Amino acid sequence: MNRDDIDTFYDDVEANEDSKSDARVSLIIIVVCVVAALFWVAGQ
């Protein structure tokens, strides 16, 4: 494993962490929208 491989590996790990946090944020936004929609429909 040479130096370039190590650098590439760490870049991939950081990219994966970023996409995980993005996915979590998206999921939270979707859940909030669904809950808000349910309250809005129940209030009709």
N, C-alpha and C. Protein backbone atom coordinates (compact mmCIF):
# COMPACT_ATOMS: atom_id res chain seq x y z
N MET A 1 0.87 -1.19 0.00
CA MET A 1 0.00 0.00 0.00
C MET A 1 0.90 1.24 0.00
N ASN A 2 0.90 1.96 -1.09
CA ASN A 2 1.77 3.14 -1.13
C ASN A 2 1.02 4.39 -0.64
N ARG A 3 1.72 5.49 -0.64
CA ARG A 3 1.17 6.72 -0.06
C ARG A 3 -0.12 7.17 -0.75
N ASP A 4 -0.16 7.06 -2.07
CA ASP A 4 -1.36 7.48 -2.82
C ASP A 4 -2.59 6.67 -2.41
N ASP A 5 -2.39 5.36 -2.22
CA ASP A 5 -3.51 4.52 -1.79
C ASP A 5 -4.04 4.99 -0.43
N ILE A 6 -3.14 5.32 0.48
CA ILE A 6 -3.55 5.77 1.82
C ILE A 6 -4.34 7.08 1.71
N ASP A 7 -3.84 8.01 0.92
CA ASP A 7 -4.55 9.29 0.75
C ASP A 7 -5.95 9.06 0.16
N THR A 8 -6.02 8.20 -0.84
CA THR A 8 -7.31 7.91 -1.48
C THR A 8 -8.27 7.29 -0.47
N PHE A 9 -7.76 6.36 0.32
CA PHE A 9 -8.59 5.70 1.33
C PHE A 9 -9.18 6.72 2.31
N TYR A 10 -8.35 7.61 2.82
CA TYR A 10 -8.86 8.59 3.79
C TYR A 10 -9.83 9.56 3.14
N ASP A 11 -9.60 9.94 1.90
CA ASP A 11 -10.56 10.80 1.20
C ASP A 11 -11.92 10.11 1.09
N ASP A 12 -11.90 8.82 0.75
CA ASP A 12 -13.15 8.06 0.64
C ASP A 12 -13.88 7.99 1.98
N VAL A 13 -13.14 7.78 3.05
CA VAL A 13 -13.75 7.70 4.38
C VAL A 13 -14.44 9.02 4.71
N GLU A 14 -13.76 10.13 4.45
CA GLU A 14 -14.36 11.44 4.73
C GLU A 14 -15.60 11.67 3.86
N ALA A 15 -15.54 11.29 2.60
CA ALA A 15 -16.68 11.45 1.70
C ALA A 15 -17.86 10.62 2.20
N ASN A 16 -17.59 9.41 2.67
CA ASN A 16 -18.65 8.55 3.20
C ASN A 16 -19.28 9.17 4.43
N GLU A 17 -18.48 9.73 5.32
CA GLU A 17 -19.02 10.39 6.52
C GLU A 17 -19.93 11.55 6.11
N ASP A 18 -19.51 12.34 5.12
CA ASP A 18 -20.33 13.47 4.66
C ASP A 18 -21.66 12.98 4.11
N SER A 19 -21.64 11.93 3.30
CA SER A 19 -22.89 11.45 2.71
C SER A 19 -23.80 10.85 3.77
N LYS A 20 -23.21 10.25 4.81
CA LYS A 20 -24.03 9.72 5.91
C LYS A 20 -24.75 10.85 6.62
N SER A 21 -24.04 11.94 6.93
CA SER A 21 -24.67 13.04 7.64
C SER A 21 -25.72 13.72 6.74
N ASP A 22 -25.44 13.81 5.44
CA ASP A 22 -26.44 14.36 4.51
C ASP A 22 -27.70 13.51 4.50
N ALA A 23 -27.52 12.20 4.47
CA ALA A 23 -28.66 11.30 4.46
C ALA A 23 -29.48 11.45 5.74
N ARG A 24 -28.78 11.62 6.88
CA ARG A 24 -29.48 11.78 8.16
C ARG A 24 -30.29 13.07 8.15
N VAL A 25 -29.71 14.15 7.65
CA VAL A 25 -30.42 15.43 7.58
C VAL A 25 -31.64 15.31 6.67
N SER A 26 -31.48 14.66 5.52
CA SER A 26 -32.61 14.46 4.60
C SER A 26 -33.72 13.67 5.28
N LEU A 27 -33.34 12.62 6.00
CA LEU A 27 -34.33 11.78 6.68
C LEU A 27 -35.09 12.59 7.73
N ILE A 28 -34.38 13.42 8.49
CA ILE A 28 -35.02 14.25 9.52
C ILE A 28 -36.02 15.22 8.87
N ILE A 29 -35.61 15.84 7.76
CA ILE A 29 -36.49 16.78 7.07
C ILE A 29 -37.76 16.07 6.58
N ILE A 30 -37.58 14.87 6.00
CA ILE A 30 -38.73 14.10 5.51
C ILE A 30 -39.67 13.75 6.66
N VAL A 31 -39.11 13.29 7.78
CA VAL A 31 -39.94 12.93 8.94
C VAL A 31 -40.72 14.14 9.45
N VAL A 32 -40.05 15.28 9.56
CA VAL A 32 -40.72 16.50 10.02
C VAL A 32 -41.86 16.87 9.08
N CYS A 33 -41.63 16.78 7.76
CA CYS A 33 -42.68 17.10 6.79
C CYS A 33 -43.87 16.15 6.92
N VAL A 34 -43.59 14.86 7.09
CA VAL A 34 -44.67 13.87 7.24
C VAL A 34 -45.49 14.15 8.49
N VAL A 35 -44.81 14.41 9.60
CA VAL A 35 -45.51 14.70 10.87
C VAL A 35 -46.34 15.97 10.72
N ALA A 36 -45.78 17.00 10.11
CA ALA A 36 -46.51 18.25 9.90
C ALA A 36 -47.74 18.00 9.02
N ALA A 37 -47.59 17.19 7.97
CA ALA A 37 -48.72 16.87 7.09
C ALA A 37 -49.80 16.12 7.86
N LEU A 38 -49.41 15.19 8.71
CA LEU A 38 -50.39 14.44 9.50
C LEU A 38 -51.17 15.37 10.43
N PHE A 39 -50.45 16.27 11.10
CA PHE A 39 -51.14 17.23 11.99
C PHE A 39 -52.08 18.12 11.19
N TRP A 40 -51.64 18.56 9.99
CA TRP A 40 -52.43 19.46 9.16
C TRP A 40 -53.71 18.74 8.70
N VAL A 41 -53.58 17.47 8.27
CA VAL A 41 -54.74 16.70 7.82
C VAL A 41 -55.67 16.42 8.99
N ALA A 42 -55.12 16.09 10.15
CA ALA A 42 -55.94 15.80 11.33
C ALA A 42 -56.69 17.07 11.78
N GLY A 43 -56.11 18.22 11.52
CA GLY A 43 -56.73 19.48 11.94
C GLY A 43 -57.78 19.99 10.98
N GLN A 44 -57.94 19.34 9.85
CA GLN A 44 -58.92 19.80 8.86
C GLN A 44 -60.34 19.57 9.34
